[in-house]
C-alpha atoms as a PDB file:
ATOM      1  CA  MET A   1     -39.574 -20.660 -42.333  1.00  0.00           C
ATOM      2  CA  GLN A   2     -40.403 -23.845 -40.542  1.00  0.00           C
ATOM      3  CA  PRO A   3     -42.912 -23.831 -37.785  1.00  0.00           C
ATOM      4  CA  THR A   4     -41.336 -24.461 -34.371  1.00  0.00           C
ATOM      5  CA  SER A   5     -42.847 -25.905 -31.318  1.00  0.00           C
ATOM      6  CA  GLN A   6     -43.621 -23.824 -28.271  1.00  0.00           C
ATOM      7  CA  ASP A   7     -40.679 -25.367 -26.298  1.00  0.00           C
ATOM      8  CA  GLU A   8     -38.107 -24.621 -28.997  1.00  0.00           C
ATOM      9  CA  ARG A   9     -38.939 -20.930 -29.097  1.00  0.00           C
ATOM     10  CA  TYR A  10     -38.016 -20.481 -25.429  1.00  0.00           C
ATOM     11  CA  ALA A  11     -34.949 -22.725 -25.392  1.00  0.00           C
ATOM     12  CA  PRO A  12     -31.528 -21.136 -24.803  1.00  0.00           C
ATOM     13  CA  PRO A  13     -29.359 -20.523 -27.867  1.00  0.00           C
ATOM     14  CA  GLN A  14     -27.268 -23.480 -28.957  1.00  0.00           C
ATOM     15  CA  SER A  15     -24.163 -21.613 -30.135  1.00  0.00           C
ATOM     16  CA  HIS A  16     -20.659 -22.418 -28.894  1.00  0.00           C
ATOM     17  CA  VAL A  17     -19.102 -19.706 -26.708  1.00  0.00           C
ATOM     18  CA  GLU A  18     -15.480 -19.686 -25.516  1.00  0.00           C
ATOM     19  CA  ASP A  19     -14.069 -17.586 -22.725  1.00  0.00           C
ATOM     20  CA  VAL A  20     -11.658 -14.952 -23.900  1.00  0.00           C
ATOM     21  CA  GLN A  21      -8.320 -15.021 -22.134  1.00  0.00           C
ATOM     22  CA  SER A  22      -6.908 -11.609 -21.417  1.00  0.00           C
ATOM     23  CA  ASP A  23      -3.223 -10.853 -21.011  1.00  0.00           C
ATOM     24  CA  ASP A  24      -4.172  -7.952 -18.749  1.00  0.00           C
ATOM     25  CA  ARG A  25      -2.510  -8.563 -15.383  1.00  0.00           C
ATOM     26  CA  ARG A  26      -4.144  -5.632 -13.632  1.00  0.00           C
ATOM     27  CA  GLY A  27      -5.878  -6.586 -10.439  1.00  0.00           C
ATOM     28  CA  GLN A  28      -3.587  -9.523  -9.691  1.00  0.00           C
ATOM     29  CA  LEU A  29      -1.777  -9.548  -6.361  1.00  0.00           C
ATOM     30  CA  ALA A  30       1.504  -7.681  -6.474  1.00  0.00           C
ATOM     31  CA  GLY A  31       4.606  -9.830  -6.159  1.00  0.00           C
ATOM     32  CA  ARG A  32       6.581  -9.947  -2.940  1.00  0.00           C
ATOM     33  CA  TRP A  33       9.734  -8.581  -4.588  1.00  0.00           C
ATOM     34  CA  THR A  34       7.816  -5.783  -6.291  1.00  0.00           C
ATOM     35  CA  ARG A  35       6.347  -4.753  -2.949  1.00  0.00           C
ATOM     36  CA  LEU A  36       9.800  -4.891  -1.345  1.00  0.00           C
ATOM     37  CA  PHE A  37      11.366  -2.710  -4.054  1.00  0.00           C
ATOM     38  CA  ALA A  38       8.506  -0.201  -3.796  1.00  0.00           C
ATOM     39  CA  TYR A  39       8.991  -0.105  -0.009  1.00  0.00           C
ATOM     40  CA  VAL A  40      12.744   0.472  -0.418  1.00  0.00           C
ATOM     41  CA  ALA A  41      12.108   3.241  -2.969  1.00  0.00           C
ATOM     42  CA  ASP A  42       9.704   4.926  -0.540  1.00  0.00           C
ATOM     43  CA  GLY A  43      12.299   4.581   2.224  1.00  0.00           C
ATOM     44  CA  VAL A  44      15.038   6.193   0.127  1.00  0.00           C
ATOM     45  CA  ILE A  45      12.733   9.055  -0.855  1.00  0.00           C
ATOM     46  CA  MET A  46      11.697   9.591   2.781  1.00  0.00           C
ATOM     47  CA  THR A  47      15.305   9.457   4.011  1.00  0.00           C
ATOM     48  CA  VAL A  48      16.418  12.078   1.485  1.00  0.00           C
ATOM     49  CA  ALA A  49      13.435  14.323   2.317  1.00  0.00           C
ATOM     50  CA  SER A  50      13.989  13.944   6.077  1.00  0.00           C
ATOM     51  CA  ARG A  51      17.731  14.680   5.763  1.00  0.00           C
ATOM     52  CA  LEU A  52      17.023  17.782   3.689  1.00  0.00           C
ATOM     53  CA  LEU A  53      14.467  18.919   6.245  1.00  0.00           C
ATOM     54  CA  ALA A  54      16.872  18.241   9.117  1.00  0.00           C
ATOM     55  CA  ASN A  55      19.723  20.145   7.473  1.00  0.00           C
ATOM     56  CA  PHE A  56      17.860  23.147   6.116  1.00  0.00           C
ATOM     57  CA  SER A  57      14.840  23.680   8.349  1.00  0.00           C
ATOM     58  CA  PRO A  58      14.476  25.582  11.611  1.00  0.00           C
ATOM     59  CA  LEU A  59      11.791  23.045  12.613  1.00  0.00           C
ATOM     60  CA  VAL A  60      14.373  20.403  13.520  1.00  0.00           C
ATOM     61  CA  ASP A  61      16.544  20.811  16.610  1.00  0.00           C
ATOM     62  CA  PRO A  62      20.047  19.572  15.676  1.00  0.00           C
ATOM     63  CA  ALA A  63      20.939  18.906  19.318  1.00  0.00           C
ATOM     64  CA  ALA A  64      17.937  16.629  19.799  1.00  0.00           C
ATOM     65  CA  SER A  65      18.556  14.825  16.496  1.00  0.00           C
ATOM     66  CA  SER A  66      22.144  14.038  17.439  1.00  0.00           C
ATOM     67  CA  GLN A  67      21.121  11.873  20.427  1.00  0.00           C
ATOM     68  CA  GLY A  68      21.538   8.745  18.351  1.00  0.00           C
ATOM     69  CA  LEU A  69      19.713   6.367  16.094  1.00  0.00           C
ATOM     70  CA  TRP A  70      17.951   4.484  18.886  1.00  0.00           C
ATOM     71  CA  THR A  71      16.464   7.567  20.500  1.00  0.00           C
ATOM     72  CA  LEU A  72      13.087   8.241  18.976  1.00  0.00           C
ATOM     73  CA  ARG A  73      11.017  11.218  19.931  1.00  0.00           C
ATOM     74  CA  PHE A  74       7.345  11.830  19.306  1.00  0.00           C
ATOM     75  CA  GLU A  75       8.196  15.077  17.505  1.00  0.00           C
ATOM     76  CA  ASP A  76      10.477  13.260  15.052  1.00  0.00           C
ATOM     77  CA  VAL A  77       7.849  10.628  14.280  1.00  0.00           C
ATOM     78  CA  ALA A  78       5.150  13.281  13.825  1.00  0.00           C
ATOM     79  CA  LEU A  79       7.389  15.343  11.530  1.00  0.00           C
ATOM     80  CA  ASP A  80       8.254  12.274   9.450  1.00  0.00           C
ATOM     81  CA  LEU A  81       4.552  11.458   9.151  1.00  0.00           C
ATOM     82  CA  VAL A  82       3.831  15.002   7.924  1.00  0.00           C
ATOM     83  CA  VAL A  83       6.657  14.743   5.361  1.00  0.00           C
ATOM     84  CA  PHE A  84       5.338  11.334   4.260  1.00  0.00           C
ATOM     85  CA  LEU A  85       1.832  12.735   3.787  1.00  0.00           C
ATOM     86  CA  LEU A  86       3.124  15.790   1.912  1.00  0.00           C
ATOM     87  CA  LEU A  87       5.019  13.529  -0.483  1.00  0.00           C
ATOM     88  CA  ASN A  88       2.469  10.740  -0.828  1.00  0.00           C
ATOM     89  CA  GLY A  89      -0.872  12.041   0.436  1.00  0.00           C
ATOM     90  CA  TYR A  90      -2.339  13.037  -2.919  1.00  0.00           C
ATOM     91  CA  LEU A  91      -1.293   9.773  -4.594  1.00  0.00           C
ATOM     92  CA  LEU A  92      -2.608   7.710  -1.676  1.00  0.00           C
ATOM     93  CA  VAL A  93      -5.998   9.395  -1.635  1.00  0.00           C
ATOM     94  CA  MET A  94      -6.526   9.595  -5.403  1.00  0.00           C
ATOM     95  CA  ARG A  95      -4.838   6.408  -6.667  1.00  0.00           C
ATOM     96  CA  GLY A  96      -4.007   4.230  -3.654  1.00  0.00           C
ATOM     97  CA  GLN A  97      -0.272   4.566  -4.327  1.00  0.00           C
ATOM     98  CA  THR A  98       2.854   5.971  -2.778  1.00  0.00           C
ATOM     99  CA  ILE A  99       5.644   7.259  -5.010  1.00  0.00           C
ATOM    100  CA  GLY A 100       7.378   3.859  -4.769  1.00  0.00           C
ATOM    101  CA  LYS A 101       4.164   1.989  -5.577  1.00  0.00           C
ATOM    102  CA  ALA A 102       3.589   4.268  -8.585  1.00  0.00           C
ATOM    103  CA  ILE A 103       7.127   3.623  -9.854  1.00  0.00           C
ATOM    104  CA  PHE A 104       6.621  -0.151  -9.602  1.00  0.00           C
ATOM    105  CA  ARG A 105       3.012   0.000 -10.887  1.00  0.00           C
ATOM    106  CA  ILE A 106       1.207  -1.403  -7.876  1.00  0.00           C
ATOM    107  CA  ARG A 107      -1.607   0.050  -5.794  1.00  0.00           C
ATOM    108  CA  ILE A 108      -3.677  -0.463  -2.657  1.00  0.00           C
ATOM    109  CA  VAL A 109      -7.291  -1.608  -3.043  1.00  0.00           C
ATOM    110  CA  ARG A 110      -9.981  -3.392  -1.047  1.00  0.00           C
ATOM    111  CA  PRO A 111     -10.025  -7.205  -1.352  1.00  0.00           C
ATOM    112  CA  GLY A 112     -12.855  -7.047  -3.914  1.00  0.00           C
ATOM    113  CA  GLY A 113     -10.901  -4.630  -6.122  1.00  0.00           C
ATOM    114  CA  ALA A 114     -12.758  -1.467  -5.129  1.00  0.00           C
ATOM    115  CA  PRO A 115     -10.670   1.591  -4.261  1.00  0.00           C
ATOM    116  CA  ALA A 116      -9.758   1.862  -0.585  1.00  0.00           C
ATOM    117  CA  SER A 117     -10.923   4.973   1.256  1.00  0.00           C
ATOM    118  CA  ALA A 118      -8.450   7.633   2.330  1.00  0.00           C
ATOM    119  CA  ALA A 119      -9.196   6.980   6.011  1.00  0.00           C
ATOM    120  CA  ARG A 120      -8.514   3.278   5.577  1.00  0.00           C
ATOM    121  CA  VAL A 121      -5.274   3.745   3.636  1.00  0.00           C
ATOM    122  CA  VAL A 122      -3.785   6.707   5.480  1.00  0.00           C
ATOM    123  CA  GLY A 123      -5.243   6.080   8.924  1.00  0.00           C
ATOM    124  CA  LEU A 124      -5.041   2.332   9.348  1.00  0.00           C
ATOM    125  CA  ARG A 125      -2.103   1.457   7.098  1.00  0.00           C
ATOM    126  CA  TYR A 126       0.302   4.341   7.681  1.00  0.00           C
ATOM    127  CA  CYS A 127      -0.665   6.343  10.793  1.00  0.00           C
ATOM    128  CA  LEU A 128      -0.920   3.187  12.872  1.00  0.00           C
ATOM    129  CA  ASP A 129       2.612   2.252  11.775  1.00  0.00           C
ATOM    130  CA  ALA A 130       3.787   5.733  12.764  1.00  0.00           C
ATOM    131  CA  LEU A 131       2.232   5.373  16.225  1.00  0.00           C
ATOM    132  CA  MET A 132       4.057   2.078  16.641  1.00  0.00           C
ATOM    133  CA  GLY A 133       7.268   3.946  15.771  1.00  0.00           C
ATOM    134  CA  VAL A 134       7.074   6.074  18.904  1.00  0.00           C
ATOM    135  CA  THR A 135       8.487   3.202  20.959  1.00  0.00           C
ATOM    136  CA  THR A 136      11.677   1.729  19.507  1.00  0.00           C
ATOM    137  CA  GLY A 137      11.226  -1.788  20.841  1.00  0.00           C
ATOM    138  CA  THR A 138       7.661  -1.958  19.617  1.00  0.00           C
ATOM    139  CA  ILE A 139       8.457  -0.809  16.103  1.00  0.00           C
ATOM    140  CA  LEU A 140      11.242  -3.348  15.679  1.00  0.00           C
ATOM    141  CA  LEU A 141       9.029  -6.240  16.748  1.00  0.00           C
ATOM    142  CA  TYR A 142       6.066  -4.935  14.749  1.00  0.00           C
ATOM    143  CA  ALA A 143       8.203  -4.411  11.613  1.00  0.00           C
ATOM    144  CA  LEU A 144       9.555  -7.964  11.852  1.00  0.00           C
ATOM    145  CA  VAL A 145       6.139  -9.574  12.294  1.00  0.00           C
ATOM    146  CA  ASP A 146       4.560  -7.274   9.687  1.00  0.00           C
ATOM    147  CA  GLY A 147       7.220  -8.112   7.101  1.00  0.00           C
ATOM    148  CA  LEU A 148       7.030 -11.853   7.696  1.00  0.00           C
ATOM    149  CA  PHE A 149       3.290 -11.881   7.022  1.00  0.00           C
ATOM    150  CA  ILE A 150       3.964 -11.308   3.311  1.00  0.00           C
ATOM    151  CA  PHE A 151       5.159 -14.900   2.958  1.00  0.00           C
ATOM    152  CA  ARG A 152       1.644 -16.209   3.517  1.00  0.00           C
ATOM    153  CA  LYS A 153      -0.367 -17.359   0.521  1.00  0.00           C
ATOM    154  CA  SER A 154      -2.537 -14.211   0.603  1.00  0.00           C
ATOM    155  CA  ARG A 155       0.587 -11.945   0.453  1.00  0.00           C
ATOM    156  CA  ARG A 156      -1.046  -9.615   2.967  1.00  0.00           C
ATOM    157  CA  CYS A 157       1.136  -7.970   5.581  1.00  0.00           C
ATOM    158  CA  LEU A 158      -0.160  -7.237   9.050  1.00  0.00           C
ATOM    159  CA  HIS A 159      -1.004  -3.649   8.085  1.00  0.00           C
ATOM    160  CA  ASP A 160      -3.003  -5.007   5.104  1.00  0.00           C
ATOM    161  CA  ILE A 161      -5.029  -7.204   7.430  1.00  0.00           C
ATOM    162  CA  ILE A 162      -5.625  -4.360   9.900  1.00  0.00           C
ATOM    163  CA  ALA A 163      -6.787  -2.016   7.108  1.00  0.00           C
ATOM    164  CA  ASP A 164      -8.545  -4.809   5.134  1.00  0.00           C
ATOM    165  CA  THR A 165      -6.631  -3.979   1.944  1.00  0.00           C
ATOM    166  CA  VAL A 166      -4.540  -5.810  -0.654  1.00  0.00           C
ATOM    167  CA  VAL A 167      -1.782  -4.598  -2.954  1.00  0.00           C
ATOM    168  CA  VAL A 168      -2.359  -5.377  -6.624  1.00  0.00           C
ATOM    169  CA  ARG A 169      -0.758  -4.608  -9.954  1.00  0.00           C
ATOM    170  CA  ALA A 170      -1.928  -1.251 -11.263  1.00  0.00           C
END
């Protein structure tokens, strides 16, 4: 063994290191179309559940429900929110997903990749939207603006910004 100088002993290693490229796409922002399809899937599931509840439950007043599409009542919005939470609550709290997001393999996280809290996901993302739904004119304007926000570079809708979340591939 050759004697080395004091400086050489404390020098960093001189080996060549290359970064490893991973094909893992987890953690990347979810695509706009994927988010749209997940949203449509959630809408279909909610519509079927709400129709079943309306047809077979004593909780829904058929006379009040027949007032028309443009007549929204607080009771209807609250009942739809309860149905939504019954269907998606566990997935949202445990995995940051709705049924539609699980089908399309996307999930809700914080911008750094950490899981989003239940209060943030359920309260700020979904309950706030439900409160906006109480007034028909407000929900239509909010839904339009919220949906258009996805075309920004960050792909964050208005409800993502309010809740400080992002939707990524799961």
